[in-house]
Protein backbone atom coordinates (compact mmCIF):
# COMPACT_ATOMS: atom_id res chain seq x y z
CA MET A 1 110.46 114.41 186.87
CA SER A 2 107.99 116.65 187.37
CA PRO A 3 108.40 119.65 184.57
CA ILE A 4 107.16 122.03 187.44
CA LYS A 5 109.50 123.35 189.85
CA THR A 6 108.62 125.05 193.51
CA GLU A 7 111.09 128.49 192.61
CA GLY A 8 108.98 129.22 189.49
CA LEU A 9 107.34 127.07 186.30
CA VAL A 10 110.06 125.46 184.27
CA ILE A 11 108.89 123.17 181.14
CA ASP A 12 110.28 119.82 179.83
CA TRP A 13 109.45 121.06 176.44
CA THR A 14 110.80 117.92 174.72
CA GLN A 15 107.68 116.41 176.56
CA MET A 16 105.40 119.57 175.26
CA PRO A 17 105.32 119.97 171.16
CA THR A 18 103.21 122.57 170.25
CA TYR A 19 102.11 124.08 166.91
CA ASN A 20 98.64 124.89 167.73
CA THR A 21 99.65 128.69 166.86
CA ILE A 22 99.72 127.74 162.78
CA MET A 23 96.49 125.73 163.31
CA SER A 24 94.66 128.51 164.76
CA ILE A 25 95.67 130.53 161.92
CA ALA A 26 95.25 128.41 159.30
CA ALA A 27 91.72 127.67 160.86
CA GLY A 28 90.46 130.92 161.33
CA ALA A 29 91.32 131.29 157.85
CA GLY A 30 89.85 128.22 156.25
CA LEU A 31 86.04 129.79 158.33
CA LEU A 32 86.80 132.82 156.47
CA LEU A 33 88.04 131.51 153.29
CA LEU A 34 84.51 129.42 153.20
CA VAL A 35 82.25 132.60 154.01
CA LEU A 36 84.11 134.80 151.27
CA LEU A 37 83.78 132.17 148.68
CA ALA A 38 79.23 131.62 149.40
CA ARG A 39 79.85 135.10 148.53
CA GLU A 40 81.73 135.23 145.55
CA LEU A 41 79.58 131.88 144.45
CA ARG A 42 76.32 134.41 144.98
CA LYS A 43 77.74 137.16 142.91
CA LYS A 44 76.05 137.43 139.41
CA ASP A 45 78.07 139.94 137.45
CA THR A 46 81.39 138.64 138.38
CA GLU A 47 83.23 135.99 136.56
CA PHE A 48 84.17 133.27 138.72
CA VAL A 49 88.00 132.10 139.26
CA PRO A 50 87.86 128.43 140.99
CA GLU A 51 91.81 128.10 140.50
CA GLY A 52 92.58 130.67 143.19
CA TRP A 53 89.75 129.20 145.85
CA ALA A 54 90.98 125.97 144.82
CA LEU A 55 94.67 126.99 145.72
CA ALA A 56 93.77 128.67 149.16
CA SER A 57 91.85 126.00 149.94
CA GLY A 58 94.62 123.28 148.84
CA VAL A 59 97.24 125.21 151.20
CA LEU A 60 95.42 125.89 154.53
CA GLY A 61 93.87 121.84 153.71
CA PHE A 62 97.24 120.48 153.82
CA ILE A 63 98.55 122.15 156.82
CA LEU A 64 95.62 121.67 159.44
CA THR A 65 95.39 117.87 158.26
CA ALA A 66 99.00 117.24 158.30
CA THR A 67 99.17 118.88 161.94
CA GLY A 68 96.19 117.64 162.85
CA LEU A 69 96.74 114.02 161.80
CA HIS A 70 100.30 113.95 163.66
CA MET A 71 98.65 115.54 166.83
CA THR A 72 95.45 113.30 166.47
CA LEU A 73 97.44 109.64 166.51
CA THR A 74 100.98 110.96 168.69
CA TRP A 75 98.82 109.80 172.42
CA PRO A 76 99.77 111.87 174.31
CA PHE A 77 101.13 114.85 171.67
CA ALA A 78 101.69 116.89 175.06
CA LYS A 79 102.37 114.48 177.44
CA TYR A 80 100.82 117.03 180.28
CA PHE A 81 97.82 118.15 178.70
CA PRO A 82 96.55 114.92 176.78
CA PHE A 83 93.23 116.70 176.10
CA ASP A 84 94.91 119.01 173.27
CA ASN A 85 94.79 115.83 170.81
CA ILE A 86 90.96 115.66 170.85
CA ILE A 87 90.56 119.27 171.33
CA PHE A 88 93.00 120.46 168.67
CA GLY A 89 94.47 117.84 166.73
CA GLU A 90 90.59 115.72 165.82
CA THR A 91 88.84 118.82 164.98
CA SER A 92 91.89 120.28 163.08
CA LEU A 93 92.08 116.89 161.12
CA GLY A 94 88.56 117.70 160.15
CA LEU A 95 88.68 121.07 158.90
CA GLY A 96 91.52 120.66 157.16
CA VAL A 97 90.41 117.20 155.74
CA LEU A 98 87.18 119.08 154.24
CA LEU A 99 89.28 121.90 152.99
CA LEU A 100 91.14 119.45 150.92
CA ALA A 101 88.03 117.99 149.70
CA SER A 102 86.77 121.39 148.69
CA SER A 103 90.12 122.05 146.88
CA LEU A 104 90.04 118.86 144.77
CA PHE A 105 86.45 119.98 143.89
CA LEU A 106 86.96 123.14 142.94
CA TRP A 107 89.93 122.37 140.84
CA LYS A 108 88.70 119.90 139.03
CA ARG A 109 84.88 120.93 138.87
CA GLY A 110 85.47 124.76 138.34
CA LYS A 111 84.75 125.16 134.69
CA THR A 112 81.29 123.51 135.22
CA ILE A 113 80.63 125.79 138.63
CA ARG A 114 81.45 128.91 136.21
CA ASP A 115 79.27 127.61 133.69
CA ALA A 116 76.34 126.37 136.03
CA ALA A 117 73.15 127.98 135.28
CA ASP A 118 73.01 128.95 139.08
CA PRO A 119 76.40 128.15 140.63
CA ALA A 120 75.80 128.96 144.27
CA GLN A 121 72.85 126.08 143.42
CA TYR A 122 74.69 123.56 142.27
CA VAL A 123 78.04 123.71 144.90
CA ALA A 124 74.73 123.37 147.42
CA LYS A 125 73.40 120.21 145.92
CA VAL A 126 77.44 119.01 145.98
CA SER A 127 77.86 120.19 149.73
CA ARG A 128 74.58 118.89 150.73
CA PRO A 129 75.74 114.92 151.74
CA LEU A 130 79.26 116.61 153.48
CA GLY A 131 76.37 118.48 155.85
CA ILE A 132 76.41 115.01 158.29
CA PHE A 133 79.59 115.05 159.29
CA ILE A 134 79.74 119.26 159.51
CA VAL A 135 77.04 118.84 161.65
CA GLY A 136 78.48 116.42 163.38
CA LEU A 137 81.57 118.18 163.85
CA GLY A 138 79.66 120.75 165.50
CA LEU A 139 78.05 119.21 167.98
CA ALA A 140 81.36 118.31 169.01
CA LEU A 141 82.61 121.82 169.15
CA PHE A 142 79.52 121.86 171.28
CA GLY A 143 80.62 119.63 173.86
CA ILE A 144 84.58 120.83 173.87
CA ALA A 145 83.04 124.31 174.45
CA PHE A 146 81.23 123.04 177.58
CA ALA A 147 84.55 120.95 178.50
CA GLY A 148 86.45 124.19 178.55
CA VAL A 149 84.02 125.98 181.00
CA ILE A 150 83.40 123.26 183.45
CA PHE A 151 86.86 122.28 183.30
CA GLN A 152 88.54 125.60 183.19
CA LEU A 153 90.95 124.88 180.25
CA PHE A 154 93.15 126.92 177.96
CA ALA A 155 94.14 128.91 181.24
CA ALA A 156 97.91 130.50 180.48
CA PRO A 157 100.49 130.62 183.24
CA PRO A 158 101.53 133.48 184.52
CA GLU A 159 104.80 133.07 182.93
CA GLU A 160 103.01 133.64 179.48
CA PRO A 161 103.35 136.95 178.33
CA ILE A 162 99.71 138.64 177.84
CA SER A 163 97.34 135.77 178.10
CA GLY A 164 99.47 135.42 181.27
CA ALA A 165 97.75 138.80 182.84
CA PHE A 166 94.32 136.52 183.43
CA ALA A 167 96.48 133.23 185.13
CA GLU A 168 94.53 134.18 188.69
CA TYR A 169 91.42 134.61 186.74
CA PRO A 170 90.87 130.90 184.41
CA MET A 171 87.47 131.40 183.54
CA ILE A 172 88.51 134.45 181.49
CA GLU A 173 90.32 132.45 178.66
CA ALA A 174 87.72 129.17 179.36
CA ILE A 175 84.98 131.40 178.37
CA PHE A 176 86.72 133.38 175.47
CA MET A 177 88.52 130.21 173.92
CA SER A 178 84.90 127.71 174.77
CA GLY A 179 82.73 130.82 172.75
CA LEU A 180 85.26 130.84 169.61
CA PHE A 181 84.62 126.59 169.34
CA ALA A 182 80.83 127.82 170.83
CA LEU A 183 80.43 129.82 167.61
CA VAL A 184 82.16 127.30 164.62
CA GLY A 185 79.85 125.03 165.97
CA LEU A 186 76.66 126.78 166.03
CA GLY A 187 77.34 127.34 162.27
CA ALA A 188 78.27 123.76 161.36
CA VAL A 189 74.92 122.30 162.78
CA LEU A 190 73.35 124.97 160.79
CA PHE A 191 74.94 124.54 157.83
CA PRO A 192 72.90 121.75 156.08
CA PHE A 193 69.96 124.66 156.54
CA ALA A 194 71.96 127.36 155.03
CA LEU A 195 72.00 125.46 152.22
CA LYS A 196 68.35 125.62 151.08
CA SER A 197 68.45 129.39 150.23
CA PHE A 198 71.79 129.19 148.62
CA SER A 199 71.21 130.19 145.15
CA VAL A 200 71.82 133.48 143.07
CA LYS A 201 68.33 133.34 142.47
CA THR A 202 67.12 134.56 146.09
CA LEU A 203 68.28 136.71 148.87
CA PRO A 204 70.45 134.79 151.73
CA GLY A 205 68.16 133.49 154.00
CA VAL A 206 68.09 134.04 157.82
CA VAL A 207 70.50 131.07 158.83
CA GLU A 208 72.34 131.72 156.16
CA LYS A 209 73.26 134.84 157.20
CA ILE A 210 73.58 133.62 160.95
CA VAL A 211 76.15 130.92 159.56
CA GLY A 212 77.86 133.64 157.96
CA ILE A 213 78.40 135.78 161.05
CA VAL A 214 79.31 133.39 163.26
CA TRP A 215 82.11 132.03 160.85
CA GLY A 216 83.14 135.55 160.31
CA LEU A 217 83.74 136.40 163.60
CA ALA A 218 85.18 133.08 164.66
CA GLY A 219 87.36 132.80 162.06
CA ILE A 220 88.90 136.62 162.26
CA ALA A 221 89.05 136.04 165.77
CA PHE A 222 91.25 132.33 165.25
CA VAL A 223 93.71 134.64 162.90
CA LEU A 224 94.21 137.49 165.65
CA PHE A 225 94.68 134.83 168.58
CA GLY A 226 96.58 132.65 166.56
CA ALA A 227 99.21 135.45 165.29
CA MET A 228 99.14 136.72 168.86
CA ASN A 229 100.61 133.21 170.22
CA PHE A 230 103.38 133.12 167.98
CA PHE A 231 104.88 136.25 170.32
CA THR A 232 103.09 134.50 173.43
CA HIS A 233 104.10 131.05 172.84
CA ILE A 234 107.78 132.16 172.10
CA GLY A 235 107.56 134.10 175.14
CA LEU A 236 106.46 131.01 177.78
CA ILE A 237 108.93 129.20 176.48
CA VAL A 238 112.13 131.65 177.47
CA ASN A 239 110.67 131.97 180.68
CA THR A 240 109.85 128.35 181.41
CA MET A 241 113.61 126.94 179.82
CA GLY A 242 114.85 126.83 183.42
């Protein structure tokens, strides 16, 4: 039976599980955490407390890994939107595992980082091999951004509060969401190059600044958008239960 009726949108929510709300907040917070951690490691006159950063990274990593893994392995997760598995599930899984690895490293090697002559440079050297996977994720995010615009994804139905006001103009939300994915992708592709100037002995390089700016902006946007969606998605469910 189709979830859509001609007398208005009715959705069979047993076929439409969704938790990209918490995913969005955790992903945004994770990006902001990485930017703030980089700033903390660059400080010369502040004692670095790795345990707090490890706990924060672990909490966010667990949420993204658990939800991302479930969405990635459940095909299709949302019966009528199977591309959500790729767009939200796989990307959240990738970021989640990276955050869990960061949490483990900060927890186990916190004292080594704190005692290093150049903590930022030490972390940069350890992180360098991860650059291969991070660049790959960045290229994948570019692919998602192009798909979002070309196929006009992400548009909300008119029954969804706030976002539904733009239902007649699907390109608005498609460009907005695709732009966010592209920003994160740009930072990911530039990540290995940003590590070259990551040291307490030098000022941040141009590439490092670009990564910090695009991840910071995208992180704030994902947190705010995810928080808003807790209201809009609840409203959509109420308006389409039938």
